[in-house]
Amino acid sequence: MIKILLVRSENAFLPEIDAYVKYFNKLSHFSAFDSSKIDGEYSIDDFDVIWEFKGIGGLKRKDKIIIHEYASLSVGTLPSVKNYLKTKLNPIPNLRVFLNEEVKKEFKFRVDVDHCIRDMGIDESFLGFNETKKEYDFVYVGSISKEREIDVLLNKYVESLPGKLCLIGDVEDDIYKRYKGYKDITFTGKLSYNEVPEVASKAIYGINFIPNKYPYNKQTSTKLLEYLTLGLKVITTDYQWIRTFEDKHGCSFYKLSYNNLNFNIIDIKSHNYISEFIPQDFLWEKVIGKSGIGEKILNMRGISK
């Protein structure tokens, strides 16, 4: 039995850890653990695979299989510098996991090791909500922060107040204080992951507000996948990843101009929303299986599947 420890730093959301634990514990050769859910103290020596979600630094153990996952590019101040430091200061692992080819390309690791591409997935809990009774016109799921420029979105929204808006996620105090008085804007605060589908499905439109700037415009939008799985009509800022996604999955979304936001409810309602998106193709079990991570770990241990 190969014992995997997925190392979750304090307060990290990372729904993929839950997905990995569930996936590997269904397989005969593996036993997977979330470090944040182990009762009491544990020892690295108890595990065969140490799986880190990378900041800067990391474990050095030649007697363990070390996996470094880069589920996103760095954000905040000087993100490119942070990416560069990770390539210079992080130990060389046995395997790297990247969100997509764009993320892999941006890191520019000089020492090449085996890698996998593991895109974002959807939890099964998002299935089966297509007929939910609607209570909101719009929903936004995610970080409600100035870094993600949600204050810019809300500034424009309140100019026209085109309907009831529900915001799900951690909200910065300044944003909450400024907009809590609007009766058509509801802040739920942070919900447990299993609560999100039921609340979000009560909206007609899902807002995918992604700043058209590095690194956000190079990464998969998890909220977009979830909106589509819930059967919501998607309103989104316009950027290259979204255009590629539309072409690949037969979709048509209503696009907001990032530099000239305008919530024109007539245009929003009249848009011909199209979605040939197949949620089952994005369920975590299928996404992780497609990545080939399990096979690579088995190969490193000399085990045939």
Protein backbone atom coordinates (compact mmCIF):
# COMPACT_ATOMS: atom_id res chain seq x y z
CA MET A 1 0.00 0.00 0.00
CA ILE A 2 1.37 3.41 -1.04
CA LYS A 3 0.59 6.00 1.62
CA ILE A 4 0.17 9.55 0.30
CA LEU A 5 0.26 12.67 2.47
CA LEU A 6 -1.29 15.73 0.84
CA VAL A 7 0.08 18.71 2.75
CA ARG A 8 -2.52 21.43 3.24
CA SER A 9 -1.21 24.73 4.62
CA GLU A 10 -3.30 26.56 7.20
CA ASN A 11 -6.53 28.10 5.81
CA ALA A 12 -5.84 26.82 2.28
CA PHE A 13 -9.08 26.09 0.40
CA LEU A 14 -7.80 23.66 -2.27
CA PRO A 15 -10.86 21.49 -3.02
CA GLU A 16 -8.54 19.33 -5.12
CA ILE A 17 -7.09 17.85 -1.93
CA ASP A 18 -10.48 16.43 -0.96
CA ALA A 19 -10.84 15.16 -4.52
CA TYR A 20 -7.42 13.49 -4.48
CA VAL A 21 -8.11 11.78 -1.14
CA LYS A 22 -11.43 10.46 -2.39
CA TYR A 23 -9.92 9.35 -5.72
CA PHE A 24 -6.86 7.54 -4.39
CA ASN A 25 -8.70 5.85 -1.53
CA LYS A 26 -10.90 4.11 -4.11
CA LEU A 27 -7.83 2.49 -5.69
CA SER A 28 -6.32 -0.73 -4.41
CA HIS A 29 -2.67 0.41 -4.28
CA PHE A 30 -3.16 3.70 -2.42
CA SER A 31 -4.10 5.21 0.92
CA ALA A 32 -4.32 9.03 0.92
CA PHE A 33 -4.49 11.52 3.78
CA ASP A 34 -5.18 15.25 4.12
CA SER A 35 -2.61 16.59 6.59
CA SER A 36 -5.15 19.00 8.08
CA LYS A 37 -7.52 16.15 8.98
CA ILE A 38 -5.10 13.84 10.75
CA ASP A 39 -5.85 13.70 14.47
CA GLY A 40 -2.84 14.45 16.63
CA GLU A 41 0.77 14.52 15.47
CA TYR A 42 2.07 12.55 12.53
CA SER A 43 5.49 11.76 11.11
CA ILE A 44 6.65 12.21 7.53
CA ASP A 45 8.28 8.80 7.94
CA ASP A 46 4.83 7.21 8.01
CA PHE A 47 4.22 8.09 4.34
CA ASP A 48 5.66 7.07 0.99
CA VAL A 49 4.56 10.11 -1.03
CA ILE A 50 4.68 13.70 0.19
CA TRP A 51 2.51 15.99 -1.97
CA GLU A 52 3.08 19.72 -1.55
CA PHE A 53 1.04 22.61 -3.02
CA LYS A 54 3.78 25.02 -3.73
CA GLY A 55 4.77 28.22 -2.17
CA ILE A 56 8.50 28.76 -1.73
CA GLY A 57 10.73 26.13 -0.15
CA GLY A 58 9.78 22.57 0.65
CA LEU A 59 10.81 19.18 1.97
CA LYS A 60 14.01 17.43 0.89
CA ARG A 61 13.87 13.64 1.34
CA LYS A 62 15.56 11.22 -1.04
CA ASP A 63 13.74 8.30 0.57
CA LYS A 64 10.29 9.70 -0.35
CA ILE A 65 8.47 10.43 -3.57
CA ILE A 66 8.05 14.20 -3.53
CA ILE A 67 5.30 15.78 -5.63
CA HIS A 68 5.09 19.54 -6.18
CA GLU A 69 1.75 20.83 -7.39
CA TYR A 70 1.44 24.23 -9.06
CA ALA A 71 -2.33 24.62 -9.16
CA SER A 72 -2.00 28.31 -10.03
CA LEU A 73 0.50 31.03 -10.79
CA SER A 74 1.54 33.44 -8.07
CA VAL A 75 -0.73 36.40 -7.34
CA GLY A 76 -0.44 39.70 -5.48
CA THR A 77 2.60 41.97 -5.71
CA LEU A 78 5.23 41.03 -8.30
CA PRO A 79 3.75 37.64 -9.24
CA SER A 80 6.35 36.97 -11.94
CA VAL A 81 9.13 37.49 -9.41
CA LYS A 82 7.45 35.03 -7.04
CA ASN A 83 7.21 32.49 -9.85
CA TYR A 84 10.90 32.96 -10.60
CA LEU A 85 11.86 32.50 -6.95
CA LYS A 86 9.93 29.25 -6.81
CA THR A 87 11.92 27.92 -9.76
CA LYS A 88 15.19 28.88 -8.04
CA LEU A 89 14.52 28.08 -4.39
CA ASN A 90 12.21 25.08 -4.47
CA PRO A 91 13.88 21.66 -4.18
CA ILE A 92 13.71 19.38 -7.22
CA PRO A 93 10.82 16.92 -6.77
CA ASN A 94 10.15 13.55 -8.37
CA LEU A 95 7.04 14.85 -10.11
CA ARG A 96 5.46 18.22 -10.83
CA VAL A 97 1.74 18.77 -11.38
CA PHE A 98 0.56 21.84 -13.30
CA LEU A 99 -2.91 23.27 -13.79
CA ASN A 100 -2.43 23.61 -17.55
CA GLU A 101 0.24 24.09 -20.20
CA GLU A 102 0.15 27.89 -19.78
CA VAL A 103 1.00 27.57 -16.08
CA LYS A 104 3.79 25.10 -16.86
CA LYS A 105 5.21 27.45 -19.49
CA GLU A 106 5.15 30.46 -17.15
CA PHE A 107 7.29 28.78 -14.48
CA LYS A 108 10.16 28.02 -16.88
CA PHE A 109 11.85 25.40 -14.69
CA ARG A 110 15.39 24.84 -15.90
CA VAL A 111 15.66 21.41 -14.30
CA ASP A 112 13.09 19.30 -16.07
CA VAL A 113 11.44 16.44 -14.20
CA ASP A 114 8.46 14.29 -15.06
CA HIS A 115 5.18 16.20 -14.94
CA CYS A 116 1.39 15.88 -15.24
CA ILE A 117 -1.28 18.33 -16.32
CA ARG A 118 -4.26 18.28 -13.97
CA ASP A 119 -6.94 20.82 -14.75
CA MET A 120 -9.66 21.95 -12.36
CA GLY A 121 -12.59 19.64 -11.74
CA ILE A 122 -16.14 19.66 -10.42
CA ASP A 123 -17.44 17.93 -7.35
CA GLU A 124 -20.43 15.64 -7.84
CA SER A 125 -22.34 17.78 -5.33
CA PHE A 126 -22.88 20.35 -8.12
CA LEU A 127 -24.98 17.94 -10.18
CA GLY A 128 -28.77 17.87 -10.11
CA PHE A 129 -29.62 21.51 -9.37
CA ASN A 130 -30.90 22.57 -12.80
CA GLU A 131 -34.52 22.90 -11.64
CA THR A 132 -33.90 24.90 -8.45
CA LYS A 133 -36.39 27.67 -7.70
CA LYS A 134 -34.79 31.04 -8.42
CA GLU A 135 -34.39 33.68 -5.70
CA TYR A 136 -31.62 35.81 -7.23
CA ASP A 137 -30.92 37.21 -10.65
CA PHE A 138 -27.14 37.00 -10.36
CA VAL A 139 -24.59 35.11 -8.29
CA TYR A 140 -20.85 35.53 -7.88
CA VAL A 141 -18.80 32.79 -6.20
CA GLY A 142 -15.24 33.41 -5.05
CA SER A 143 -12.99 35.81 -3.22
CA ILE A 144 -14.72 39.18 -2.71
CA SER A 145 -11.62 41.33 -2.56
CA LYS A 146 -10.02 44.40 -4.08
CA GLU A 147 -7.21 42.22 -5.41
CA ARG A 148 -9.83 40.45 -7.55
CA GLU A 149 -11.34 43.91 -8.31
CA ILE A 150 -14.81 42.98 -7.07
CA ASP A 151 -15.15 46.54 -5.84
CA VAL A 152 -14.90 47.62 -9.50
CA LEU A 153 -17.65 45.19 -10.40
CA LEU A 154 -19.91 46.36 -7.57
CA ASN A 155 -19.32 50.04 -8.36
CA LYS A 156 -20.78 49.47 -11.81
CA TYR A 157 -23.49 47.13 -10.60
CA VAL A 158 -25.02 49.65 -8.20
CA GLU A 159 -25.21 52.28 -10.94
CA SER A 160 -28.05 50.36 -12.58
CA LEU A 161 -29.00 47.68 -9.99
CA PRO A 162 -30.29 45.32 -12.69
CA GLY A 163 -31.56 42.73 -10.19
CA LYS A 164 -30.83 40.76 -7.03
CA LEU A 165 -27.19 39.80 -6.59
CA CYS A 166 -25.85 37.11 -4.23
CA LEU A 167 -22.13 37.05 -3.43
CA ILE A 168 -20.75 33.80 -1.97
CA GLY A 169 -17.32 33.82 -0.37
CA ASP A 170 -14.99 35.61 1.99
CA VAL A 171 -15.59 39.35 1.79
CA GLU A 172 -13.20 42.12 2.76
CA ASP A 173 -14.54 44.41 5.49
CA ASP A 174 -14.29 47.57 3.37
CA ILE A 175 -16.34 46.05 0.57
CA TYR A 176 -18.97 44.68 2.95
CA LYS A 177 -19.37 47.97 4.79
CA ARG A 178 -19.75 49.90 1.54
CA TYR A 179 -22.39 47.69 -0.08
CA LYS A 180 -24.24 45.95 2.76
CA GLY A 181 -26.94 48.64 2.73
CA TYR A 182 -28.19 47.75 -0.74
CA LYS A 183 -31.28 45.57 -0.31
CA ASP A 184 -30.68 43.81 -3.63
CA ILE A 185 -27.15 42.73 -2.70
CA THR A 186 -26.73 39.71 -0.40
CA PHE A 187 -23.42 38.63 1.14
CA THR A 188 -23.53 35.04 2.40
CA GLY A 189 -19.98 35.05 3.72
CA LYS A 190 -17.88 31.93 3.38
CA LEU A 191 -19.96 28.77 3.02
CA SER A 192 -18.82 25.19 3.31
CA TYR A 193 -18.05 23.74 -0.10
CA ASN A 194 -21.08 21.44 0.06
CA GLU A 195 -23.40 24.39 0.72
CA VAL A 196 -22.33 26.38 -2.34
CA PRO A 197 -24.27 24.48 -5.06
CA GLU A 198 -27.64 24.83 -3.35
CA VAL A 199 -27.26 28.57 -2.80
CA ALA A 200 -25.63 29.39 -6.15
CA SER A 201 -28.26 27.43 -8.08
CA LYS A 202 -30.93 29.86 -6.85
CA ALA A 203 -29.63 32.43 -9.37
CA ILE A 204 -30.37 32.75 -13.07
CA TYR A 205 -26.99 34.14 -14.12
CA GLY A 206 -23.50 33.28 -12.86
CA ILE A 207 -20.97 36.12 -12.96
CA ASN A 208 -17.46 35.10 -13.97
CA PHE A 209 -15.63 38.36 -13.25
CA ILE A 210 -11.96 37.75 -14.01
CA PRO A 211 -9.57 40.71 -14.29
CA ASN A 212 -8.06 40.60 -17.77
CA LYS A 213 -4.54 40.61 -16.41
CA TYR A 214 -1.78 38.24 -15.42
CA PRO A 215 -2.09 35.66 -13.93
CA TYR A 216 -5.88 35.42 -13.76
CA ASN A 217 -6.42 35.43 -17.52
CA LYS A 218 -4.19 32.37 -18.00
CA GLN A 219 -5.92 30.06 -15.57
CA THR A 220 -9.00 27.86 -15.59
CA SER A 221 -12.03 29.50 -14.01
CA THR A 222 -13.41 26.97 -11.53
CA LYS A 223 -16.49 29.09 -10.90
CA LEU A 224 -17.30 29.01 -14.62
CA LEU A 225 -17.28 25.20 -14.60
CA GLU A 226 -19.52 25.20 -11.55
CA TYR A 227 -21.98 27.71 -13.01
CA LEU A 228 -22.35 25.62 -16.14
CA THR A 229 -22.84 22.44 -14.12
CA LEU A 230 -25.61 24.17 -12.15
CA GLY A 231 -27.28 25.16 -15.42
CA LEU A 232 -26.74 28.91 -14.95
CA LYS A 233 -26.41 31.35 -17.80
CA VAL A 234 -22.92 32.81 -17.75
CA ILE A 235 -21.97 36.48 -17.74
CA THR A 236 -18.22 36.93 -18.01
CA THR A 237 -15.46 39.38 -18.67
CA ASP A 238 -13.86 38.88 -22.05
CA TYR A 239 -10.39 37.35 -22.19
CA GLN A 240 -8.48 34.76 -24.19
CA TRP A 241 -9.07 31.73 -21.97
CA ILE A 242 -12.83 32.29 -22.05
CA ARG A 243 -12.85 32.56 -25.86
CA THR A 244 -10.88 29.31 -26.17
CA PHE A 245 -13.25 27.58 -23.75
CA GLU A 246 -16.32 28.74 -25.70
CA ASP A 247 -14.91 27.40 -28.95
CA LYS A 248 -13.87 24.08 -27.44
CA HIS A 249 -17.13 23.37 -25.57
CA GLY A 250 -19.75 24.89 -27.85
CA CYS A 251 -20.75 27.75 -25.56
CA SER A 252 -21.84 31.35 -25.92
CA PHE A 253 -21.65 33.64 -22.89
CA TYR A 254 -22.67 37.26 -22.40
CA LYS A 255 -19.44 39.22 -22.25
CA LEU A 256 -18.75 42.32 -20.21
CA SER A 257 -16.11 44.71 -21.48
CA TYR A 258 -13.45 44.76 -18.75
CA ASN A 259 -12.57 48.39 -19.50
CA ASN A 260 -16.16 49.55 -19.93
CA LEU A 261 -18.41 47.56 -17.61
CA ASN A 262 -22.08 47.96 -18.31
CA PHE A 263 -24.90 45.86 -16.82
CA ASN A 264 -27.49 46.39 -19.53
CA ILE A 265 -30.28 44.09 -18.37
CA ILE A 266 -32.05 44.19 -21.73
CA ASP A 267 -28.93 42.97 -23.54
CA ILE A 268 -28.24 40.41 -20.81
CA LYS A 269 -31.72 38.92 -21.08
CA SER A 270 -31.79 38.93 -24.88
CA HIS A 271 -28.41 37.23 -25.38
CA ASN A 272 -28.58 33.77 -26.97
CA TYR A 273 -26.91 31.67 -24.27
CA ILE A 274 -25.57 28.37 -25.58
CA SER A 275 -23.91 25.55 -23.66
CA GLU A 276 -22.87 22.15 -24.97
CA PHE A 277 -20.74 21.73 -21.85
CA ILE A 278 -20.74 18.16 -20.48
CA PRO A 279 -20.30 18.27 -16.68
CA GLN A 280 -19.46 14.57 -16.44
CA ASP A 281 -16.26 15.22 -18.41
CA PHE A 282 -15.10 17.58 -15.65
CA LEU A 283 -15.91 15.52 -12.56
CA TRP A 284 -12.85 15.24 -10.33
CA GLU A 285 -12.54 11.47 -10.71
CA LYS A 286 -12.33 11.77 -14.50
CA VAL A 287 -9.98 14.80 -14.43
CA ILE A 288 -7.54 13.16 -12.00
CA GLY A 289 -7.67 9.85 -13.87
CA LYS A 290 -6.99 11.60 -17.17
CA SER A 291 -3.91 13.32 -15.70
CA GLY A 292 -2.11 9.99 -15.25
CA ILE A 293 -0.78 10.93 -11.80
CA GLY A 294 -1.65 7.57 -10.26
CA GLU A 295 0.16 5.63 -12.98
CA LYS A 296 3.28 7.76 -12.60
CA ILE A 297 3.38 7.15 -8.83
CA LEU A 298 2.99 3.41 -9.41
CA ASN A 299 5.80 3.47 -11.97
CA MET A 300 8.09 5.27 -9.52
CA ARG A 301 7.39 2.49 -7.02
CA GLY A 302 7.96 -0.19 -9.65
CA ILE A 303 4.34 -1.39 -9.58
CA SER A 304 2.38 -2.36 -12.68
CA LYS A 305 -1.21 -1.15 -12.73
